[in-house]
N, C-alpha and C. Protein backbone atom coordinates (compact mmCIF):
# COMPACT_ATOMS: atom_id res chain seq x y z
N MET A 1 5.93 -17.67 -10.59
CA MET A 1 6.06 -16.94 -9.33
C MET A 1 5.15 -15.78 -9.27
N GLY A 2 4.47 -15.57 -8.33
CA GLY A 2 3.43 -14.42 -8.33
C GLY A 2 4.11 -13.26 -7.64
N SER A 3 3.44 -12.27 -7.68
CA SER A 3 3.75 -10.86 -6.95
C SER A 3 3.57 -10.91 -5.63
N GLU A 4 4.33 -10.05 -4.76
CA GLU A 4 4.18 -9.72 -3.38
C GLU A 4 4.08 -8.36 -3.17
N LEU A 5 3.15 -8.07 -2.07
CA LEU A 5 3.06 -6.79 -1.47
C LEU A 5 3.87 -6.76 -0.04
N THR A 6 4.53 -5.63 0.05
CA THR A 6 5.24 -5.32 1.38
C THR A 6 4.63 -4.17 2.18
N PHE A 7 4.22 -4.28 3.36
CA PHE A 7 3.78 -3.21 4.22
C PHE A 7 4.70 -2.79 5.27
N GLN A 8 4.93 -1.49 5.46
CA GLN A 8 5.71 -0.96 6.60
C GLN A 8 4.97 0.13 7.31
N VAL A 9 5.01 0.06 8.70
CA VAL A 9 4.12 1.07 9.46
C VAL A 9 5.34 1.53 10.35
N LYS A 10 5.60 2.79 10.43
CA LYS A 10 6.54 3.40 11.35
C LYS A 10 6.03 4.83 11.86
N THR A 11 6.19 5.16 13.03
CA THR A 11 5.70 6.35 13.81
C THR A 11 6.98 7.40 13.38
N ILE A 12 6.47 8.45 12.93
CA ILE A 12 7.28 9.60 12.53
C ILE A 12 7.54 10.49 13.58
N ASP A 13 6.43 11.03 14.20
CA ASP A 13 6.41 12.02 15.18
C ASP A 13 5.30 11.70 16.31
N PRO A 14 5.59 10.96 17.39
CA PRO A 14 4.56 10.62 18.24
C PRO A 14 3.84 11.82 18.98
N ALA A 15 4.52 12.90 18.90
CA ALA A 15 4.01 14.14 19.70
C ALA A 15 2.78 14.68 18.82
N VAL A 16 2.56 14.38 17.56
CA VAL A 16 1.39 14.95 16.81
C VAL A 16 0.76 13.63 16.16
N GLU A 17 1.15 12.43 16.67
CA GLU A 17 0.47 11.31 16.21
C GLU A 17 0.67 11.12 14.84
N LEU A 18 1.94 11.28 14.12
CA LEU A 18 2.25 11.11 12.74
C LEU A 18 2.80 9.76 12.49
N THR A 19 2.13 9.08 11.67
CA THR A 19 2.49 7.76 11.28
C THR A 19 2.58 7.53 9.73
N GLU A 20 3.61 6.80 9.37
CA GLU A 20 3.76 6.56 7.90
C GLU A 20 3.47 5.18 7.71
N CYS A 21 2.64 4.86 6.65
CA CYS A 21 2.31 3.44 6.26
C CYS A 21 2.65 3.40 4.83
N VAL A 22 3.58 2.42 4.55
CA VAL A 22 4.19 2.47 3.24
C VAL A 22 3.71 0.92 2.56
N MET A 23 3.37 0.83 1.50
CA MET A 23 3.02 -0.27 0.82
C MET A 23 3.60 -0.35 -0.53
N TRP A 24 4.17 -1.34 -1.13
CA TRP A 24 4.73 -1.48 -2.34
C TRP A 24 4.86 -2.95 -2.79
N LEU A 25 4.96 -2.89 -4.07
CA LEU A 25 5.09 -4.26 -4.85
C LEU A 25 6.55 -4.60 -4.65
N SER A 26 6.88 -5.63 -3.87
CA SER A 26 8.29 -5.94 -3.59
C SER A 26 8.80 -7.07 -4.66
N VAL A 27 7.84 -7.82 -4.94
CA VAL A 27 8.26 -8.99 -5.96
C VAL A 27 7.07 -8.74 -7.16
N ARG A 28 7.67 -8.84 -8.37
CA ARG A 28 6.84 -8.64 -9.33
C ARG A 28 6.71 -10.01 -10.13
N GLY A 29 5.61 -10.62 -10.08
CA GLY A 29 5.49 -11.97 -11.07
C GLY A 29 5.05 -11.45 -12.43
N THR A 30 5.51 -12.06 -13.41
CA THR A 30 5.25 -11.61 -14.70
C THR A 30 4.71 -12.85 -15.51
N ALA A 31 3.97 -12.37 -16.59
CA ALA A 31 3.37 -13.33 -17.52
C ALA A 31 3.33 -12.69 -18.73
N LEU A 32 4.09 -13.16 -19.91
CA LEU A 32 4.19 -12.36 -21.01
C LEU A 32 4.81 -10.99 -20.95
N GLY A 33 5.65 -10.67 -20.05
CA GLY A 33 6.31 -9.48 -19.82
C GLY A 33 5.49 -8.43 -19.09
N MET A 34 4.31 -8.86 -18.61
CA MET A 34 3.42 -7.88 -17.77
C MET A 34 3.19 -8.34 -16.42
N THR A 35 2.96 -7.44 -15.54
CA THR A 35 2.53 -7.92 -14.12
C THR A 35 1.43 -8.63 -14.20
N ALA A 36 1.44 -9.94 -13.97
CA ALA A 36 0.20 -10.83 -14.05
C ALA A 36 -0.85 -10.50 -13.12
N ASP A 37 -0.65 -10.03 -11.93
CA ASP A 37 -1.60 -9.99 -10.98
C ASP A 37 -1.78 -8.37 -10.45
N ALA A 38 -1.46 -7.45 -11.12
CA ALA A 38 -1.56 -6.23 -10.79
C ALA A 38 -3.05 -5.71 -10.62
N GLY A 39 -3.78 -6.10 -11.36
CA GLY A 39 -5.26 -5.82 -11.14
C GLY A 39 -5.78 -6.21 -9.90
N PHE A 40 -5.31 -7.39 -9.43
CA PHE A 40 -5.94 -7.91 -8.14
C PHE A 40 -5.22 -6.97 -6.90
N PHE A 41 -4.08 -6.57 -7.03
CA PHE A 41 -3.28 -5.86 -5.96
C PHE A 41 -3.81 -4.55 -5.94
N ARG A 42 -4.07 -3.92 -7.14
CA ARG A 42 -4.72 -2.52 -7.12
C ARG A 42 -5.93 -2.58 -6.28
N SER A 43 -6.79 -3.50 -6.45
CA SER A 43 -8.09 -3.45 -5.51
C SER A 43 -7.76 -3.66 -4.13
N TYR A 44 -6.81 -4.43 -3.82
CA TYR A 44 -6.44 -4.74 -2.46
C TYR A 44 -5.81 -3.33 -1.76
N MET A 45 -5.01 -2.70 -2.66
CA MET A 45 -4.35 -1.43 -2.02
C MET A 45 -5.41 -0.40 -1.83
N ASN A 46 -6.30 -0.16 -2.68
CA ASN A 46 -7.59 0.65 -2.71
C ASN A 46 -8.33 0.33 -1.39
N ASP A 47 -8.62 -1.00 -1.18
CA ASP A 47 -9.19 -1.30 0.13
C ASP A 47 -8.52 -0.99 1.37
N VAL A 48 -7.18 -1.12 1.39
CA VAL A 48 -6.35 -0.77 2.60
C VAL A 48 -6.55 0.74 2.76
N GLU A 49 -6.44 1.54 1.57
CA GLU A 49 -6.62 3.03 1.83
C GLU A 49 -7.83 3.43 2.37
N ALA A 50 -8.97 2.84 1.86
CA ALA A 50 -10.30 3.00 2.47
C ALA A 50 -10.39 2.76 4.00
N GLN A 51 -9.83 1.65 4.46
CA GLN A 51 -9.76 1.28 5.73
C GLN A 51 -8.90 2.37 6.59
N LEU A 52 -7.88 2.64 6.05
CA LEU A 52 -7.07 3.56 6.83
C LEU A 52 -7.67 4.97 6.84
N ARG A 53 -8.39 5.43 5.84
CA ARG A 53 -9.16 6.53 5.80
C ARG A 53 -10.25 6.65 6.81
N ALA A 54 -10.92 5.42 6.87
CA ALA A 54 -11.98 5.48 8.00
C ALA A 54 -11.57 5.46 9.33
N LEU A 55 -10.15 5.17 9.71
CA LEU A 55 -9.48 5.37 10.95
C LEU A 55 -9.08 6.90 11.11
N ASP A 56 -8.71 7.56 9.97
CA ASP A 56 -8.17 8.91 10.12
C ASP A 56 -8.51 9.71 8.88
N HIS A 57 -9.47 10.57 8.98
CA HIS A 57 -9.98 11.45 7.96
C HIS A 57 -8.91 12.28 7.38
N ARG A 58 -7.78 12.58 8.27
CA ARG A 58 -6.70 13.47 7.67
C ARG A 58 -5.65 12.61 6.78
N LEU A 59 -6.00 11.43 6.50
CA LEU A 59 -5.08 10.65 5.81
C LEU A 59 -4.55 11.20 4.59
N PHE A 60 -3.27 11.11 4.21
CA PHE A 60 -2.78 11.85 3.07
C PHE A 60 -2.13 10.53 2.34
N VAL A 61 -2.44 10.38 1.07
CA VAL A 61 -1.97 9.41 0.27
C VAL A 61 -1.14 9.79 -1.04
N ALA A 62 -0.05 9.25 -1.15
CA ALA A 62 0.85 9.66 -2.33
C ALA A 62 1.05 8.19 -3.03
N LYS A 63 0.70 8.44 -4.37
CA LYS A 63 0.82 7.19 -5.13
C LYS A 63 2.08 7.42 -6.21
N ASP A 64 2.91 6.67 -6.15
CA ASP A 64 4.04 6.92 -7.12
C ASP A 64 4.13 5.84 -8.28
C-alpha cells in the first residue's frame, strides 16, 4: 500500500482574509521500515507551497 496526502483548507478570519491550508501524510506506505515514497511527496509539497506563495506573497509556512 502506498502513502496518501490529505489536504484541508479552511477560512480562519474572513475579515482579514486569513485562510489555513494544511497538508499532511495521512497514510504511510512502507518498504523495509521506511516511507517508500516520501521523496516524491516532498517535491509535490514543495510545488504546492510555491503555487500558494505565487497567489499570496504573505504566505507563512510551518513544517513540522
